[in-house]
Amino acid sequence: MREYLKLSGLLVSAVLCVAAYAYWPETWTLTLAKADLPFVLEQDSLPIPEPETVSAEETPAKPEKDTTSQRILLIGDSMIEELTFGFSNYAHANGHRLETVIWYGSSTEQWARTDTLSSFVSQFQPTFIVVCLGSNELFLKHPERRAPYIRSLVHAMNDIPFVWLCPPRWKMDSGICNVILQEVGEQRFFDSTRLQLSRKKDLRHPNRKGADLWMEAVAKWLSGTETAHPIALDSIPSKNVKRCTLHLLQPMP
């Protein structure tokens, strides 16, 4: 029976992926890159290191903008499904390369207890990382228990400049956003909760219009001096690009 349920789940996931592909505009050429899941997810009980908490005081108050071309790695859960299109537009308009990894249903714990992040870092060799995790942990009774996992992810990024986009919650969370803020520091934390975003029919995930507004705010922030490592995202894209690469990971059984 368990094997039957797993098979049914895989079939449902495949149908959803096909439906999502059909929904996306024809102006996009979607490239789904194969993810070697047996390798990426084989270690589900990795030790959680305890590196020192990242602090905003460790970085200059007004750092200079890095105007070089970046290899950006965007990772997250289903909340970034629509965001990645706008991010790809901005990346292309400003001379950057973007790779997006969406792990559906994932949490900071799952990312920290597997070698998923380190595997993609090794594969893509990013110069800048954008994380958006926490939407599946918004209503935990003890969100402070996720702090070691967040620290583990920071450690796995191996001193690569990064920022963390707070999940665009649809109602008040139990504290995970504050935990993330405390761990990564103000200059690496984008507060998505202050934005009023239009949502899909589930009233949770941002729709394309909402995600575009979200991306505009993120791009402005990343180009400013309030971040620990500003990058060039000043050029506003005039039209959609023709290619977007997504690496999709299905929920763990």
C-alpha atoms as a PDB file:
ATOM      1  CA  MET A   1       0.000   0.000   0.000  1.00  0.00           C
ATOM      2  CA  ARG A   2       2.833   2.404   0.853  1.00  0.00           C
ATOM      3  CA  GLU A   3       4.482   1.813  -2.535  1.00  0.00           C
ATOM      4  CA  TYR A   4       1.136   2.409  -4.230  1.00  0.00           C
ATOM      5  CA  LEU A   5       0.719   5.725  -2.429  1.00  0.00           C
ATOM      6  CA  LYS A   6       4.239   6.798  -3.387  1.00  0.00           C
ATOM      7  CA  LEU A   7       3.555   5.936  -7.033  1.00  0.00           C
ATOM      8  CA  SER A   8       0.302   7.878  -6.915  1.00  0.00           C
ATOM      9  CA  GLY A   9       2.105  10.865  -5.450  1.00  0.00           C
ATOM     10  CA  LEU A  10       4.691  10.833  -8.220  1.00  0.00           C
ATOM     11  CA  LEU A  11       1.965  10.679 -10.863  1.00  0.00           C
ATOM     12  CA  VAL A  12       0.142  13.630  -9.283  1.00  0.00           C
ATOM     13  CA  SER A  13       3.410  15.627  -9.171  1.00  0.00           C
ATOM     14  CA  ALA A  14       4.028  14.921 -12.827  1.00  0.00           C
ATOM     15  CA  VAL A  15       0.529  16.086 -13.771  1.00  0.00           C
ATOM     16  CA  LEU A  16       0.995  19.290 -11.759  1.00  0.00           C
ATOM     17  CA  CYS A  17       4.307  20.024 -13.486  1.00  0.00           C
ATOM     18  CA  VAL A  18       2.707  19.571 -16.907  1.00  0.00           C
ATOM     19  CA  ALA A  19      -0.186  21.803 -15.906  1.00  0.00           C
ATOM     20  CA  ALA A  20       2.209  24.471 -14.623  1.00  0.00           C
ATOM     21  CA  TYR A  21       4.174  24.331 -17.844  1.00  0.00           C
ATOM     22  CA  ALA A  22       0.987  24.791 -19.860  1.00  0.00           C
ATOM     23  CA  TYR A  23       0.008  27.778 -17.748  1.00  0.00           C
ATOM     24  CA  TRP A  24       3.216  29.729 -18.272  1.00  0.00           C
ATOM     25  CA  PRO A  25       3.153  32.248 -21.133  1.00  0.00           C
ATOM     26  CA  GLU A  26       4.269  31.140 -24.563  1.00  0.00           C
ATOM     27  CA  THR A  27       6.897  33.895 -24.626  1.00  0.00           C
ATOM     28  CA  TRP A  28       8.934  31.764 -22.252  1.00  0.00           C
ATOM     29  CA  THR A  29      11.055  28.816 -23.225  1.00  0.00           C
ATOM     30  CA  LEU A  30      11.131  26.860 -20.005  1.00  0.00           C
ATOM     31  CA  THR A  31      14.170  24.686 -19.431  1.00  0.00           C
ATOM     32  CA  LEU A  32      13.716  22.070 -16.728  1.00  0.00           C
ATOM     33  CA  ALA A  33      17.116  20.778 -15.726  1.00  0.00           C
ATOM     34  CA  LYS A  34      17.379  17.243 -14.447  1.00  0.00           C
ATOM     35  CA  ALA A  35      18.181  17.056 -10.739  1.00  0.00           C
ATOM     36  CA  ASP A  36      20.093  14.003  -9.573  1.00  0.00           C
ATOM     37  CA  LEU A  37      17.882  13.410  -6.561  1.00  0.00           C
ATOM     38  CA  PRO A  38      19.477  10.160  -5.339  1.00  0.00           C
ATOM     39  CA  PHE A  39      22.759  12.069  -4.989  1.00  0.00           C
ATOM     40  CA  VAL A  40      21.317  15.329  -3.749  1.00  0.00           C
ATOM     41  CA  LEU A  41      19.023  13.806  -1.161  1.00  0.00           C
ATOM     42  CA  GLU A  42      20.900  10.712  -0.114  1.00  0.00           C
ATOM     43  CA  GLN A  43      22.102  12.193   3.195  1.00  0.00           C
ATOM     44  CA  ASP A  44      19.022  12.922   5.264  1.00  0.00           C
ATOM     45  CA  SER A  45      20.747  13.019   8.627  1.00  0.00           C
ATOM     46  CA  LEU A  46      23.732  15.280   8.134  1.00  0.00           C
ATOM     47  CA  PRO A  47      25.195  16.807  11.313  1.00  0.00           C
ATOM     48  CA  ILE A  48      24.109  20.389  11.947  1.00  0.00           C
ATOM     49  CA  PRO A  49      27.190  22.580  12.449  1.00  0.00           C
ATOM     50  CA  GLU A  50      27.102  25.459  14.881  1.00  0.00           C
ATOM     51  CA  PRO A  51      28.931  28.332  13.156  1.00  0.00           C
ATOM     52  CA  GLU A  52      28.727  31.755  14.709  1.00  0.00           C
ATOM     53  CA  THR A  53      25.582  33.735  14.049  1.00  0.00           C
ATOM     54  CA  VAL A  54      25.943  36.220  11.200  1.00  0.00           C
ATOM     55  CA  SER A  55      25.565  39.778  12.442  1.00  0.00           C
ATOM     56  CA  ALA A  56      24.772  42.946  10.534  1.00  0.00           C
ATOM     57  CA  GLU A  57      27.508  44.726  12.511  1.00  0.00           C
ATOM     58  CA  GLU A  58      30.137  42.593  10.790  1.00  0.00           C
ATOM     59  CA  THR A  59      29.565  44.392   7.473  1.00  0.00           C
ATOM     60  CA  PRO A  60      30.195  48.022   6.478  1.00  0.00           C
ATOM     61  CA  ALA A  61      27.294  50.416   7.027  1.00  0.00           C
ATOM     62  CA  LYS A  62      27.370  51.598   3.412  1.00  0.00           C
ATOM     63  CA  PRO A  63      29.265  49.111   1.241  1.00  0.00           C
ATOM     64  CA  GLU A  64      30.168  49.876  -2.348  1.00  0.00           C
ATOM     65  CA  LYS A  65      28.058  48.297  -5.077  1.00  0.00           C
ATOM     66  CA  ASP A  66      29.545  45.308  -6.875  1.00  0.00           C
ATOM     67  CA  THR A  67      29.002  46.151 -10.552  1.00  0.00           C
ATOM     68  CA  THR A  68      30.550  42.964 -11.927  1.00  0.00           C
ATOM     69  CA  SER A  69      28.515  40.263 -13.649  1.00  0.00           C
ATOM     70  CA  GLN A  70      27.146  37.777 -11.131  1.00  0.00           C
ATOM     71  CA  ARG A  71      26.271  34.096 -11.212  1.00  0.00           C
ATOM     72  CA  ILE A  72      23.155  34.189  -9.036  1.00  0.00           C
ATOM     73  CA  LEU A  73      21.701  31.091  -7.392  1.00  0.00           C
ATOM     74  CA  LEU A  74      18.085  31.517  -6.272  1.00  0.00           C
ATOM     75  CA  ILE A  75      16.816  28.753  -3.982  1.00  0.00           C
ATOM     76  CA  GLY A  76      13.520  28.341  -2.200  1.00  0.00           C
ATOM     77  CA  ASP A  77      10.172  26.639  -1.956  1.00  0.00           C
ATOM     78  CA  SER A  78       7.030  27.114  -4.045  1.00  0.00           C
ATOM     79  CA  MET A  79       6.802  30.799  -3.067  1.00  0.00           C
ATOM     80  CA  ILE A  80       9.418  31.686  -5.689  1.00  0.00           C
ATOM     81  CA  GLU A  81       7.660  29.911  -8.562  1.00  0.00           C
ATOM     82  CA  GLU A  82       6.444  33.180 -10.113  1.00  0.00           C
ATOM     83  CA  LEU A  83       9.254  35.334  -8.713  1.00  0.00           C
ATOM     84  CA  THR A  84      11.869  33.510 -10.783  1.00  0.00           C
ATOM     85  CA  PHE A  85      10.501  34.903 -14.056  1.00  0.00           C
ATOM     86  CA  GLY A  86      10.845  38.523 -12.968  1.00  0.00           C
ATOM     87  CA  PHE A  87      14.217  37.771 -11.414  1.00  0.00           C
ATOM     88  CA  SER A  88      15.389  36.224 -14.695  1.00  0.00           C
ATOM     89  CA  ASN A  89      14.328  39.397 -16.528  1.00  0.00           C
ATOM     90  CA  TYR A  90      16.312  41.592 -14.142  1.00  0.00           C
ATOM     91  CA  ALA A  91      19.330  39.295 -14.246  1.00  0.00           C
ATOM     92  CA  HIS A  92      19.480  39.347 -18.054  1.00  0.00           C
ATOM     93  CA  ALA A  93      18.924  43.109 -18.224  1.00  0.00           C
ATOM     94  CA  ASN A  94      21.857  43.688 -15.873  1.00  0.00           C
ATOM     95  CA  GLY A  95      24.304  41.177 -17.310  1.00  0.00           C
ATOM     96  CA  HIS A  96      23.904  38.432 -14.718  1.00  0.00           C
ATOM     97  CA  ARG A  97      23.202  34.716 -14.988  1.00  0.00           C
ATOM     98  CA  LEU A  98      20.421  33.174 -12.882  1.00  0.00           C
ATOM     99  CA  GLU A  99      19.891  29.560 -11.852  1.00  0.00           C
ATOM    100  CA  THR A 100      16.768  28.759  -9.830  1.00  0.00           C
ATOM    101  CA  VAL A 101      16.192  25.718  -7.619  1.00  0.00           C
ATOM    102  CA  ILE A 102      12.648  25.202  -6.339  1.00  0.00           C
ATOM    103  CA  TRP A 103      12.185  22.442  -3.776  1.00  0.00           C
ATOM    104  CA  TYR A 104       8.445  22.076  -3.314  1.00  0.00           C
ATOM    105  CA  GLY A 105       7.238  21.722   0.272  1.00  0.00           C
ATOM    106  CA  SER A 106      10.732  22.194   1.661  1.00  0.00           C
ATOM    107  CA  SER A 107      11.824  23.761   4.931  1.00  0.00           C
ATOM    108  CA  THR A 108      15.048  25.051   6.440  1.00  0.00           C
ATOM    109  CA  GLU A 109      15.359  21.743   8.266  1.00  0.00           C
ATOM    110  CA  GLN A 110      15.207  19.664   5.067  1.00  0.00           C
ATOM    111  CA  TRP A 111      17.744  21.860   3.292  1.00  0.00           C
ATOM    112  CA  ALA A 112      20.062  21.768   6.312  1.00  0.00           C
ATOM    113  CA  ARG A 113      19.812  18.012   6.839  1.00  0.00           C
ATOM    114  CA  THR A 114      20.731  17.193   3.246  1.00  0.00           C
ATOM    115  CA  ASP A 115      23.613  18.171   1.011  1.00  0.00           C
ATOM    116  CA  THR A 116      21.218  19.766  -1.476  1.00  0.00           C
ATOM    117  CA  LEU A 117      22.531  23.327  -1.115  1.00  0.00           C
ATOM    118  CA  SER A 118      26.208  22.384  -1.147  1.00  0.00           C
ATOM    119  CA  SER A 119      25.614  20.198  -4.210  1.00  0.00           C
ATOM    120  CA  PHE A 120      24.079  23.042  -6.214  1.00  0.00           C
ATOM    121  CA  VAL A 121      26.737  25.479  -4.987  1.00  0.00           C
ATOM    122  CA  SER A 122      29.390  23.066  -6.211  1.00  0.00           C
ATOM    123  CA  GLN A 123      27.577  22.600  -9.538  1.00  0.00           C
ATOM    124  CA  PHE A 124      26.882  26.264 -10.367  1.00  0.00           C
ATOM    125  CA  GLN A 125      29.743  28.028  -8.541  1.00  0.00           C
ATOM    126  CA  PRO A 126      27.552  31.078  -7.754  1.00  0.00           C
ATOM    127  CA  THR A 127      29.016  34.423  -6.797  1.00  0.00           C
ATOM    128  CA  PHE A 128      25.759  35.505  -5.124  1.00  0.00           C
ATOM    129  CA  ILE A 129      22.966  33.502  -3.459  1.00  0.00           C
ATOM    130  CA  VAL A 130      19.350  34.472  -2.788  1.00  0.00           C
ATOM    131  CA  VAL A 131      17.410  32.295  -0.333  1.00  0.00           C
ATOM    132  CA  CYS A 132      13.652  32.319   0.175  1.00  0.00           C
ATOM    133  CA  LEU A 133      12.646  29.697   2.738  1.00  0.00           C
ATOM    134  CA  GLY A 134      10.304  29.692   5.704  1.00  0.00           C
ATOM    135  CA  SER A 135       6.822  29.696   4.184  1.00  0.00           C
ATOM    136  CA  ASN A 136       6.310  26.083   5.300  1.00  0.00           C
ATOM    137  CA  GLU A 137       7.415  27.034   8.822  1.00  0.00           C
ATOM    138  CA  LEU A 138       5.261  30.110   9.373  1.00  0.00           C
ATOM    139  CA  PHE A 139       3.083  28.575  12.071  1.00  0.00           C
ATOM    140  CA  LEU A 140       5.472  26.423  14.082  1.00  0.00           C
ATOM    141  CA  LYS A 141       4.938  26.342  17.840  1.00  0.00           C
ATOM    142  CA  HIS A 142       8.661  26.688  18.453  1.00  0.00           C
ATOM    143  CA  PRO A 143      10.219  28.537  15.495  1.00  0.00           C
ATOM    144  CA  GLU A 144      13.350  29.265  17.533  1.00  0.00           C
ATOM    145  CA  ARG A 145      14.277  25.599  17.126  1.00  0.00           C
ATOM    146  CA  ARG A 146      14.963  26.296  13.447  1.00  0.00           C
ATOM    147  CA  ALA A 147      17.853  28.637  14.249  1.00  0.00           C
ATOM    148  CA  PRO A 148      20.513  25.875  14.036  1.00  0.00           C
ATOM    149  CA  TYR A 149      19.230  24.891  10.578  1.00  0.00           C
ATOM    150  CA  ILE A 150      19.416  28.476   9.354  1.00  0.00           C
ATOM    151  CA  ARG A 151      22.966  28.738  10.697  1.00  0.00           C
ATOM    152  CA  SER A 152      23.811  25.490   8.933  1.00  0.00           C
ATOM    153  CA  LEU A 153      22.602  26.885   5.594  1.00  0.00           C
ATOM    154  CA  VAL A 154      24.637  30.055   6.114  1.00  0.00           C
ATOM    155  CA  HIS A 155      27.643  27.859   6.816  1.00  0.00           C
ATOM    156  CA  ALA A 156      26.980  25.787   3.654  1.00  0.00           C
ATOM    157  CA  MET A 157      27.130  28.927   1.508  1.00  0.00           C
ATOM    158  CA  ASN A 158      30.816  29.062   2.388  1.00  0.00           C
ATOM    159  CA  ASP A 159      31.206  32.853   2.674  1.00  0.00           C
ATOM    160  CA  ILE A 160      29.500  33.503  -0.667  1.00  0.00           C
ATOM    161  CA  PRO A 161      27.585  36.823  -0.484  1.00  0.00           C
ATOM    162  CA  PHE A 162      23.909  36.112   0.126  1.00  0.00           C
ATOM    163  CA  VAL A 163      20.574  37.587   1.120  1.00  0.00           C
ATOM    164  CA  TRP A 164      17.481  35.938   2.574  1.00  0.00           C
ATOM    165  CA  LEU A 165      14.037  36.960   1.372  1.00  0.00           C
ATOM    166  CA  CYS A 166      11.564  36.605   4.200  1.00  0.00           C
ATOM    167  CA  PRO A 167       8.603  34.561   2.884  1.00  0.00           C
ATOM    168  CA  PRO A 168       5.673  36.754   1.802  1.00  0.00           C
ATOM    169  CA  ARG A 169       3.342  35.497   4.512  1.00  0.00           C
ATOM    170  CA  TRP A 170      -0.413  35.684   3.951  1.00  0.00           C
ATOM    171  CA  LYS A 171      -1.153  36.048   7.673  1.00  0.00           C
ATOM    172  CA  MET A 172       0.825  36.643  10.857  1.00  0.00           C
ATOM    173  CA  ASP A 173       3.486  34.008  11.485  1.00  0.00           C
ATOM    174  CA  SER A 174       4.516  32.573  14.840  1.00  0.00           C
ATOM    175  CA  GLY A 175       8.023  33.978  14.685  1.00  0.00           C
ATOM    176  CA  ILE A 176      10.079  32.299  11.947  1.00  0.00           C
ATOM    177  CA  CYS A 177      10.704  35.620  10.190  1.00  0.00           C
ATOM    178  CA  ASN A 178      12.216  37.081  13.358  1.00  0.00           C
ATOM    179  CA  VAL A 179      14.359  33.978  13.807  1.00  0.00           C
ATOM    180  CA  ILE A 180      15.708  34.352  10.264  1.00  0.00           C
ATOM    181  CA  LEU A 181      16.376  38.051  10.858  1.00  0.00           C
ATOM    182  CA  GLN A 182      18.273  37.327  14.065  1.00  0.00           C
ATOM    183  CA  GLU A 183      20.440  34.731  12.348  1.00  0.00           C
ATOM    184  CA  VAL A 184      21.350  36.523   9.112  1.00  0.00           C
ATOM    185  CA  GLY A 185      21.302  40.173  10.203  1.00  0.00           C
ATOM    186  CA  GLU A 186      19.407  43.191   8.884  1.00  0.00           C
ATOM    187  CA  GLN A 187      21.693  43.766   5.892  1.00  0.00           C
ATOM    188  CA  ARG A 188      21.027  40.271   4.561  1.00  0.00           C
ATOM    189  CA  PHE A 189      17.300  40.168   5.322  1.00  0.00           C
ATOM    190  CA  PHE A 190      14.589  41.461   2.991  1.00  0.00           C
ATOM    191  CA  ASP A 191      11.266  41.974   4.754  1.00  0.00           C
ATOM    192  CA  SER A 192       8.691  40.735   2.240  1.00  0.00           C
ATOM    193  CA  THR A 193       5.931  41.003   4.845  1.00  0.00           C
ATOM    194  CA  ARG A 194       5.656  44.770   4.349  1.00  0.00           C
ATOM    195  CA  LEU A 195       4.438  44.308   0.760  1.00  0.00           C
ATOM    196  CA  GLN A 196       0.821  43.961  -0.283  1.00  0.00           C
ATOM    197  CA  LEU A 197       0.960  41.305  -2.991  1.00  0.00           C
ATOM    198  CA  SER A 198      -1.833  39.938  -5.134  1.00  0.00           C
ATOM    199  CA  ARG A 199      -2.173  36.179  -4.734  1.00  0.00           C
ATOM    200  CA  LYS A 200      -3.233  33.093  -6.620  1.00  0.00           C
ATOM    201  CA  LYS A 201      -6.553  31.381  -5.960  1.00  0.00           C
ATOM    202  CA  ASP A 202      -5.089  29.627  -2.917  1.00  0.00           C
ATOM    203  CA  LEU A 203      -4.627  33.120  -1.383  1.00  0.00           C
ATOM    204  CA  ARG A 204      -1.089  32.176  -0.385  1.00  0.00           C
ATOM    205  CA  HIS A 205       1.286  32.131  -3.344  1.00  0.00           C
ATOM    206  CA  PRO A 206       1.917  35.419  -5.171  1.00  0.00           C
ATOM    207  CA  ASN A 207       0.527  35.481  -8.705  1.00  0.00           C
ATOM    208  CA  ARG A 208       2.536  36.905 -11.596  1.00  0.00           C
ATOM    209  CA  LYS A 209       1.454  40.493 -10.881  1.00  0.00           C
ATOM    210  CA  GLY A 210       2.238  40.148  -7.183  1.00  0.00           C
ATOM    211  CA  ALA A 211       5.575  38.472  -7.884  1.00  0.00           C
ATOM    212  CA  ASP A 212       6.559  41.253 -10.296  1.00  0.00           C
ATOM    213  CA  LEU A 213       5.856  43.849  -7.592  1.00  0.00           C
ATOM    214  CA  TRP A 214       7.859  41.746  -5.138  1.00  0.00           C
ATOM    215  CA  MET A 215      10.775  41.527  -7.573  1.00  0.00           C
ATOM    216  CA  GLU A 216      10.773  45.272  -8.206  1.00  0.00           C
ATOM    217  CA  ALA A 217      11.148  45.876  -4.471  1.00  0.00           C
ATOM    218  CA  VAL A 218      13.851  43.217  -4.147  1.00  0.00           C
ATOM    219  CA  ALA A 219      15.831  44.635  -7.097  1.00  0.00           C
ATOM    220  CA  LYS A 220      15.701  48.155  -5.648  1.00  0.00           C
ATOM    221  CA  TRP A 221      16.874  46.876  -2.277  1.00  0.00           C
ATOM    222  CA  LEU A 222      19.682  44.738  -3.735  1.00  0.00           C
ATOM    223  CA  SER A 223      20.930  47.733  -5.714  1.00  0.00           C
ATOM    224  CA  GLY A 224      20.972  50.012  -2.680  1.00  0.00           C
ATOM    225  CA  THR A 225      23.357  50.513   0.204  1.00  0.00           C
ATOM    226  CA  GLU A 226      21.205  48.889   2.889  1.00  0.00           C
ATOM    227  CA  THR A 227      22.445  45.420   1.941  1.00  0.00           C
ATOM    228  CA  ALA A 228      25.715  43.807   2.936  1.00  0.00           C
ATOM    229  CA  HIS A 229      26.753  43.238  -0.684  1.00  0.00           C
ATOM    230  CA  PRO A 230      24.868  45.432  -3.198  1.00  0.00           C
ATOM    231  CA  ILE A 231      24.845  44.203  -6.797  1.00  0.00           C
ATOM    232  CA  ALA A 232      23.844  45.883 -10.046  1.00  0.00           C
ATOM    233  CA  LEU A 233      20.111  45.444 -10.641  1.00  0.00           C
ATOM    234  CA  ASP A 234      19.399  49.041 -11.647  1.00  0.00           C
ATOM    235  CA  SER A 235      18.422  48.399 -15.268  1.00  0.00           C
ATOM    236  CA  ILE A 236      14.699  47.716 -15.501  1.00  0.00           C
ATOM    237  CA  PRO A 237      13.920  45.022 -18.090  1.00  0.00           C
ATOM    238  CA  SER A 238      11.937  46.332 -21.053  1.00  0.00           C
ATOM    239  CA  LYS A 239      10.397  42.970 -21.954  1.00  0.00           C
ATOM    240  CA  ASN A 240      10.355  39.318 -20.986  1.00  0.00           C
ATOM    241  CA  VAL A 241      13.411  37.271 -21.813  1.00  0.00           C
ATOM    242  CA  LYS A 242      13.044  34.118 -23.863  1.00  0.00           C
ATOM    243  CA  ARG A 243      14.615  31.596 -21.529  1.00  0.00           C
ATOM    244  CA  CYS A 244      14.323  30.617 -17.887  1.00  0.00           C
ATOM    245  CA  THR A 245      16.085  27.657 -16.290  1.00  0.00           C
ATOM    246  CA  LEU A 246      14.379  25.948 -13.366  1.00  0.00           C
ATOM    247  CA  HIS A 247      15.616  22.998 -11.350  1.00  0.00           C
ATOM    248  CA  LEU A 248      12.566  21.437  -9.714  1.00  0.00           C
ATOM    249  CA  LEU A 249      12.759  19.130  -6.701  1.00  0.00           C
ATOM    250  CA  GLN A 250       9.635  17.319  -5.591  1.00  0.00           C
ATOM    251  CA  PRO A 251       8.625  16.995  -1.910  1.00  0.00           C
ATOM    252  CA  MET A 252      10.369  14.314   0.066  1.00  0.00           C
ATOM    253  CA  PRO A 253       8.159  11.264   0.773  1.00  0.00           C
END
